Amino acid sequence: MKAIFSRISRICRRINDKQEGITGLETAIILIAFVMVASVLAYVVLEAGMYSAQKAKLAVHSGLESTTSVIQLKGDVIGKMTNNTLQELYLFVGIPGAGSPVDFGGTSNSTQQVVISYSDIDTMIPLLSWTITKLSTINDDNLLDKNELFMLTVDMSASDNIGAYDEFALEVRPPGGPALNIERTIPARTTQYVNLH
């Protein structure tokens, strides 16, 4: 038994004597594996960065688009009074110099794209009817372009007897842009046409 054990011991020593460590080829293989893993990781990180940068760019462009589709008041708000009650409002609107055109036309199902709503302390009307009069235009379409001026005639007869000292708010919402908020108060003395400050 001792002889077998001694023989196994000699074989193990010979095997251990032949081991000389990791060769240069094995080191190169390990190095290549690390480089491959690092390049795949770098590709994933760069791709994620490009994707997030593209999404950020889209967000900036959509934000700019929504802020350039702006309607501005270009003058006074005039109210037409009948028996000391507001019947119509006249709004003079345009777009800023860097703005995008705003479509005041109707859709295929005869609804208007620009929505005007009314609210006061007691009432909320989500949709008022209105018409446009083109005061200054450069073409025949219903797009409000730069250097154009439209007058919106808003029918206020649906609201409940707006008279002296009454406060109200209008919201003019174009498609795809921020709303134009208008808050006014009817003065104590009224004539047929009143400039509402």
C-alpha atoms as a PDB file:
ATOM      1  CA  MET A   1       0.000   0.000   0.000  1.00  0.00           C
ATOM      2  CA  LYS A   2       2.896   2.258   0.846  1.00  0.00           C
ATOM      3  CA  ALA A   3       4.392   1.661  -2.596  1.00  0.00           C
ATOM      4  CA  ILE A   4       1.195   2.711  -4.363  1.00  0.00           C
ATOM      5  CA  PHE A   5       0.982   5.838  -2.269  1.00  0.00           C
ATOM      6  CA  SER A   6       4.612   6.672  -3.030  1.00  0.00           C
ATOM      7  CA  ARG A   7       4.072   6.122  -6.728  1.00  0.00           C
ATOM      8  CA  ILE A   8       0.991   8.419  -6.807  1.00  0.00           C
ATOM      9  CA  SER A   9       2.976  11.030  -4.916  1.00  0.00           C
ATOM     10  CA  ARG A  10       5.769  10.936  -7.524  1.00  0.00           C
ATOM     11  CA  ILE A  11       3.255  11.275 -10.387  1.00  0.00           C
ATOM     12  CA  CYS A  12       1.652  14.286  -8.698  1.00  0.00           C
ATOM     13  CA  ARG A  13       5.076  15.907  -8.221  1.00  0.00           C
ATOM     14  CA  ARG A  14       5.898  15.432 -11.891  1.00  0.00           C
ATOM     15  CA  ILE A  15       2.590  16.994 -12.896  1.00  0.00           C
ATOM     16  CA  ASN A  16       3.242  19.955 -10.574  1.00  0.00           C
ATOM     17  CA  ASP A  17       6.781  20.351 -11.883  1.00  0.00           C
ATOM     18  CA  LYS A  18       5.469  20.736 -15.468  1.00  0.00           C
ATOM     19  CA  GLN A  19       3.087  23.632 -14.611  1.00  0.00           C
ATOM     20  CA  GLU A  20       4.689  26.932 -15.524  1.00  0.00           C
ATOM     21  CA  GLY A  21       1.748  29.362 -15.024  1.00  0.00           C
ATOM     22  CA  ILE A  22      -0.435  31.148 -17.551  1.00  0.00           C
ATOM     23  CA  THR A  23       1.080  31.509 -20.992  1.00  0.00           C
ATOM     24  CA  GLY A  24       1.024  34.653 -23.132  1.00  0.00           C
ATOM     25  CA  LEU A  25      -1.667  33.174 -25.377  1.00  0.00           C
ATOM     26  CA  GLU A  26      -4.055  32.666 -22.476  1.00  0.00           C
ATOM     27  CA  THR A  27      -3.394  36.230 -21.301  1.00  0.00           C
ATOM     28  CA  ALA A  28      -4.174  37.539 -24.774  1.00  0.00           C
ATOM     29  CA  ILE A  29      -7.447  35.590 -24.861  1.00  0.00           C
ATOM     30  CA  ILE A  30      -8.490  37.012 -21.488  1.00  0.00           C
ATOM     31  CA  LEU A  31      -7.523  40.530 -22.605  1.00  0.00           C
ATOM     32  CA  ILE A  32      -9.543  40.181 -25.830  1.00  0.00           C
ATOM     33  CA  ALA A  33     -12.548  38.985 -23.808  1.00  0.00           C
ATOM     34  CA  PHE A  34     -12.319  42.058 -21.549  1.00  0.00           C
ATOM     35  CA  VAL A  35     -12.043  44.364 -24.581  1.00  0.00           C
ATOM     36  CA  MET A  36     -15.090  42.722 -26.206  1.00  0.00           C
ATOM     37  CA  VAL A  37     -17.181  43.066 -23.060  1.00  0.00           C
ATOM     38  CA  ALA A  38     -16.082  46.694 -22.674  1.00  0.00           C
ATOM     39  CA  SER A  39     -16.907  47.523 -26.302  1.00  0.00           C
ATOM     40  CA  VAL A  40     -20.378  45.948 -26.040  1.00  0.00           C
ATOM     41  CA  LEU A  41     -20.998  47.893 -22.830  1.00  0.00           C
ATOM     42  CA  ALA A  42     -19.764  51.111 -24.456  1.00  0.00           C
ATOM     43  CA  TYR A  43     -22.060  50.524 -27.458  1.00  0.00           C
ATOM     44  CA  VAL A  44     -25.071  50.010 -25.176  1.00  0.00           C
ATOM     45  CA  VAL A  45     -24.257  53.161 -23.187  1.00  0.00           C
ATOM     46  CA  LEU A  46     -23.734  55.248 -26.329  1.00  0.00           C
ATOM     47  CA  GLU A  47     -26.930  53.937 -27.911  1.00  0.00           C
ATOM     48  CA  ALA A  48     -28.911  54.755 -24.763  1.00  0.00           C
ATOM     49  CA  GLY A  49     -27.345  58.223 -24.728  1.00  0.00           C
ATOM     50  CA  MET A  50     -28.225  58.818 -28.380  1.00  0.00           C
ATOM     51  CA  TYR A  51     -31.796  57.649 -27.766  1.00  0.00           C
ATOM     52  CA  SER A  52     -32.250  59.940 -24.765  1.00  0.00           C
ATOM     53  CA  ALA A  53     -30.677  62.846 -26.670  1.00  0.00           C
ATOM     54  CA  GLN A  54     -33.092  62.266 -29.546  1.00  0.00           C
ATOM     55  CA  LYS A  55     -36.056  62.187 -27.151  1.00  0.00           C
ATOM     56  CA  ALA A  56     -34.835  65.402 -25.516  1.00  0.00           C
ATOM     57  CA  LYS A  57     -34.536  67.016 -28.949  1.00  0.00           C
ATOM     58  CA  LEU A  58     -38.109  65.968 -29.807  1.00  0.00           C
ATOM     59  CA  ALA A  59     -39.342  67.384 -26.494  1.00  0.00           C
ATOM     60  CA  VAL A  60     -37.617  70.706 -27.168  1.00  0.00           C
ATOM     61  CA  HIS A  61     -39.034  70.897 -30.694  1.00  0.00           C
ATOM     62  CA  SER A  62     -42.579  70.089 -29.561  1.00  0.00           C
ATOM     63  CA  GLY A  63     -42.247  72.672 -26.780  1.00  0.00           C
ATOM     64  CA  LEU A  64     -41.086  75.292 -29.270  1.00  0.00           C
ATOM     65  CA  GLU A  65     -43.889  74.355 -31.639  1.00  0.00           C
ATOM     66  CA  SER A  66     -46.518  74.751 -28.932  1.00  0.00           C
ATOM     67  CA  THR A  67     -45.134  78.103 -27.809  1.00  0.00           C
ATOM     68  CA  THR A  68     -44.952  79.474 -31.341  1.00  0.00           C
ATOM     69  CA  SER A  69     -48.609  78.595 -32.050  1.00  0.00           C
ATOM     70  CA  VAL A  70     -49.674  81.518 -29.907  1.00  0.00           C
ATOM     71  CA  ILE A  71     -52.570  83.902 -30.322  1.00  0.00           C
ATOM     72  CA  GLN A  72     -52.107  87.451 -29.035  1.00  0.00           C
ATOM     73  CA  LEU A  73     -54.542  90.250 -28.458  1.00  0.00           C
ATOM     74  CA  LYS A  74     -53.699  93.046 -30.876  1.00  0.00           C
ATOM     75  CA  GLY A  75     -55.877  95.786 -29.502  1.00  0.00           C
ATOM     76  CA  ASP A  76     -58.807  96.391 -27.229  1.00  0.00           C
ATOM     77  CA  VAL A  77     -61.620  94.070 -26.239  1.00  0.00           C
ATOM     78  CA  ILE A  78     -64.870  95.729 -27.274  1.00  0.00           C
ATOM     79  CA  GLY A  79     -68.239  94.685 -25.887  1.00  0.00           C
ATOM     80  CA  LYS A  80     -71.591  95.279 -27.574  1.00  0.00           C
ATOM     81  CA  MET A  81     -74.307  96.003 -25.007  1.00  0.00           C
ATOM     82  CA  THR A  82     -78.056  95.700 -25.456  1.00  0.00           C
ATOM     83  CA  ASN A  83     -80.273  96.845 -22.552  1.00  0.00           C
ATOM     84  CA  ASN A  84     -77.143  97.015 -20.339  1.00  0.00           C
ATOM     85  CA  THR A  85     -76.384  93.344 -21.052  1.00  0.00           C
ATOM     86  CA  LEU A  86     -73.342  92.074 -22.937  1.00  0.00           C
ATOM     87  CA  GLN A  87     -74.370  90.477 -26.243  1.00  0.00           C
ATOM     88  CA  GLU A  88     -71.151  90.265 -28.276  1.00  0.00           C
ATOM     89  CA  LEU A  89     -67.417  90.629 -27.780  1.00  0.00           C
ATOM     90  CA  TYR A  90     -64.970  91.759 -30.439  1.00  0.00           C
ATOM     91  CA  LEU A  91     -61.412  90.444 -30.063  1.00  0.00           C
ATOM     92  CA  PHE A  92     -58.615  91.615 -32.354  1.00  0.00           C
ATOM     93  CA  VAL A  93     -56.031  88.838 -32.609  1.00  0.00           C
ATOM     94  CA  GLY A  94     -52.729  88.190 -34.329  1.00  0.00           C
ATOM     95  CA  ILE A  95     -49.627  86.079 -33.806  1.00  0.00           C
ATOM     96  CA  PRO A  96     -46.162  87.207 -32.669  1.00  0.00           C
ATOM     97  CA  GLY A  97     -43.385  87.796 -35.203  1.00  0.00           C
ATOM     98  CA  ALA A  98     -41.727  84.435 -34.533  1.00  0.00           C
ATOM     99  CA  GLY A  99     -45.037  82.571 -34.289  1.00  0.00           C
ATOM    100  CA  SER A 100     -46.467  79.808 -36.433  1.00  0.00           C
ATOM    101  CA  PRO A 101     -49.760  80.194 -38.324  1.00  0.00           C
ATOM    102  CA  VAL A 102     -52.930  79.322 -36.382  1.00  0.00           C
ATOM    103  CA  ASP A 103     -55.811  77.623 -38.188  1.00  0.00           C
ATOM    104  CA  PHE A 104     -59.159  79.347 -37.606  1.00  0.00           C
ATOM    105  CA  GLY A 105     -60.945  77.125 -40.121  1.00  0.00           C
ATOM    106  CA  GLY A 106     -63.420  74.364 -39.413  1.00  0.00           C
ATOM    107  CA  THR A 107     -62.878  70.624 -39.492  1.00  0.00           C
ATOM    108  CA  SER A 108     -64.546  68.035 -41.707  1.00  0.00           C
ATOM    109  CA  ASN A 109     -67.413  67.577 -39.217  1.00  0.00           C
ATOM    110  CA  SER A 110     -68.141  71.357 -39.154  1.00  0.00           C
ATOM    111  CA  THR A 111     -66.569  72.046 -35.772  1.00  0.00           C
ATOM    112  CA  GLN A 112     -64.164  74.900 -35.256  1.00  0.00           C
ATOM    113  CA  GLN A 113     -60.556  74.165 -34.380  1.00  0.00           C
ATOM    114  CA  VAL A 114     -60.122  77.239 -32.182  1.00  0.00           C
ATOM    115  CA  VAL A 115     -62.257  76.839 -29.059  1.00  0.00           C
ATOM    116  CA  ILE A 116     -63.487  79.804 -27.024  1.00  0.00           C
ATOM    117  CA  SER A 117     -64.890  79.112 -23.564  1.00  0.00           C
ATOM    118  CA  TYR A 118     -66.474  81.402 -20.990  1.00  0.00           C
ATOM    119  CA  SER A 119     -66.494  81.381 -17.209  1.00  0.00           C
ATOM    120  CA  ASP A 120     -67.570  83.649 -14.381  1.00  0.00           C
ATOM    121  CA  ILE A 121     -68.314  83.162 -10.705  1.00  0.00           C
ATOM    122  CA  ASP A 122     -71.580  81.301 -11.441  1.00  0.00           C
ATOM    123  CA  THR A 123     -71.339  79.940 -14.977  1.00  0.00           C
ATOM    124  CA  MET A 124     -69.024  77.915 -17.171  1.00  0.00           C
ATOM    125  CA  ILE A 125     -69.713  77.565 -20.904  1.00  0.00           C
ATOM    126  CA  PRO A 126     -67.113  75.309 -22.578  1.00  0.00           C
ATOM    127  CA  LEU A 127     -67.893  76.325 -26.161  1.00  0.00           C
ATOM    128  CA  LEU A 128     -69.065  79.721 -27.412  1.00  0.00           C
ATOM    129  CA  SER A 129     -69.882  80.350 -31.042  1.00  0.00           C
ATOM    130  CA  TRP A 130     -67.784  82.879 -32.880  1.00  0.00           C
ATOM    131  CA  THR A 131     -67.048  84.185 -36.359  1.00  0.00           C
ATOM    132  CA  ILE A 132     -63.976  85.775 -37.922  1.00  0.00           C
ATOM    133  CA  THR A 133     -63.624  88.951 -39.919  1.00  0.00           C
ATOM    134  CA  LYS A 134     -60.334  89.258 -41.755  1.00  0.00           C
ATOM    135  CA  LEU A 135     -59.139  92.829 -41.236  1.00  0.00           C
ATOM    136  CA  SER A 136     -55.642  92.506 -42.690  1.00  0.00           C
ATOM    137  CA  THR A 137     -54.717  89.440 -44.748  1.00  0.00           C
ATOM    138  CA  ILE A 138     -52.027  88.284 -47.141  1.00  0.00           C
ATOM    139  CA  ASN A 139     -54.040  85.354 -48.590  1.00  0.00           C
ATOM    140  CA  ASP A 140     -57.580  83.932 -48.673  1.00  0.00           C
ATOM    141  CA  ASP A 141     -57.236  80.987 -46.275  1.00  0.00           C
ATOM    142  CA  ASN A 142     -58.383  80.837 -42.647  1.00  0.00           C
ATOM    143  CA  LEU A 143     -54.833  80.584 -41.306  1.00  0.00           C
ATOM    144  CA  LEU A 144     -53.816  83.513 -39.159  1.00  0.00           C
ATOM    145  CA  ASP A 145     -50.324  84.204 -40.523  1.00  0.00           C
ATOM    146  CA  LYS A 146     -47.687  86.750 -39.562  1.00  0.00           C
ATOM    147  CA  ASN A 147     -48.719  90.309 -40.384  1.00  0.00           C
ATOM    148  CA  GLU A 148     -52.410  89.358 -40.458  1.00  0.00           C
ATOM    149  CA  LEU A 149     -55.141  90.629 -38.155  1.00  0.00           C
ATOM    150  CA  PHE A 150     -58.460  88.888 -37.502  1.00  0.00           C
ATOM    151  CA  MET A 151     -61.431  90.162 -35.543  1.00  0.00           C
ATOM    152  CA  LEU A 152     -63.268  87.446 -33.626  1.00  0.00           C
ATOM    153  CA  THR A 153     -66.928  88.188 -32.948  1.00  0.00           C
ATOM    154  CA  VAL A 154     -67.926  86.087 -29.934  1.00  0.00           C
ATOM    155  CA  ASP A 155     -71.632  85.516 -29.296  1.00  0.00           C
ATOM    156  CA  MET A 156     -72.203  86.152 -25.570  1.00  0.00           C
ATOM    157  CA  SER A 157     -75.983  85.709 -25.584  1.00  0.00           C
ATOM    158  CA  ALA A 158     -75.628  82.197 -24.109  1.00  0.00           C
ATOM    159  CA  SER A 159     -74.141  83.655 -20.906  1.00  0.00           C
ATOM    160  CA  ASP A 160     -76.448  84.786 -18.119  1.00  0.00           C
ATOM    161  CA  ASN A 161     -77.072  88.552 -18.331  1.00  0.00           C
ATOM    162  CA  ILE A 162     -73.585  89.969 -17.971  1.00  0.00           C
ATOM    163  CA  GLY A 163     -74.068  93.542 -16.856  1.00  0.00           C
ATOM    164  CA  ALA A 164     -72.482  96.343 -14.842  1.00  0.00           C
ATOM    165  CA  TYR A 165     -69.672  95.313 -12.450  1.00  0.00           C
ATOM    166  CA  ASP A 166     -69.766  91.694 -13.640  1.00  0.00           C
ATOM    167  CA  GLU A 167     -66.370  89.993 -14.030  1.00  0.00           C
ATOM    168  CA  PHE A 168     -65.828  87.233 -16.555  1.00  0.00           C
ATOM    169  CA  ALA A 169     -63.039  85.304 -18.259  1.00  0.00           C
ATOM    170  CA  LEU A 170     -62.631  83.992 -21.795  1.00  0.00           C
ATOM    171  CA  GLU A 171     -60.170  81.340 -22.879  1.00  0.00           C
ATOM    172  CA  VAL A 172     -59.196  81.153 -26.558  1.00  0.00           C
ATOM    173  CA  ARG A 173     -57.554  77.779 -27.254  1.00  0.00           C
ATOM    174  CA  PRO A 174     -55.887  77.219 -30.646  1.00  0.00           C
ATOM    175  CA  PRO A 175     -55.087  73.687 -31.826  1.00  0.00           C
ATOM    176  CA  GLY A 176     -51.682  72.689 -30.478  1.00  0.00           C
ATOM    177  CA  GLY A 177     -50.829  75.915 -28.668  1.00  0.00           C
ATOM    178  CA  PRO A 178     -51.295  77.566 -25.292  1.00  0.00           C
ATOM    179  CA  ALA A 179     -54.554  79.277 -24.432  1.00  0.00           C
ATOM    180  CA  LEU A 180     -55.064  83.038 -24.508  1.00  0.00           C
ATOM    181  CA  ASN A 181     -56.741  84.068 -21.242  1.00  0.00           C
ATOM    182  CA  ILE A 182     -58.793  87.262 -21.174  1.00  0.00           C
ATOM    183  CA  GLU A 183     -60.304  88.610 -17.954  1.00  0.00           C
ATOM    184  CA  ARG A 184     -62.531  91.677 -18.053  1.00  0.00           C
ATOM    185  CA  THR A 185     -65.061  93.609 -15.941  1.00  0.00           C
ATOM    186  CA  ILE A 186     -68.124  95.433 -17.274  1.00  0.00           C
ATOM    187  CA  PRO A 187     -68.001  99.097 -16.191  1.00  0.00           C
ATOM    188  CA  ALA A 188     -70.769 100.793 -14.208  1.00  0.00           C
ATOM    189  CA  ARG A 189     -71.864 103.003 -17.108  1.00  0.00           C
ATOM    190  CA  THR A 190     -72.293 101.394 -20.473  1.00  0.00           C
ATOM    191  CA  THR A 191     -73.057 102.575 -23.959  1.00  0.00           C
ATOM    192  CA  GLN A 192     -73.841 100.431 -26.982  1.00  0.00           C
ATOM    193  CA  TYR A 193     -70.119  99.681 -27.471  1.00  0.00           C
ATOM    194  CA  VAL A 194     -67.837  99.519 -24.439  1.00  0.00           C
ATOM    195  CA  ASN A 195     -64.054  99.237 -24.330  1.00  0.00           C
ATOM    196  CA  LEU A 196     -63.417  96.576 -21.689  1.00  0.00           C
ATOM    197  CA  HIS A 197     -60.137  97.128 -19.832  1.00  0.00           C
END
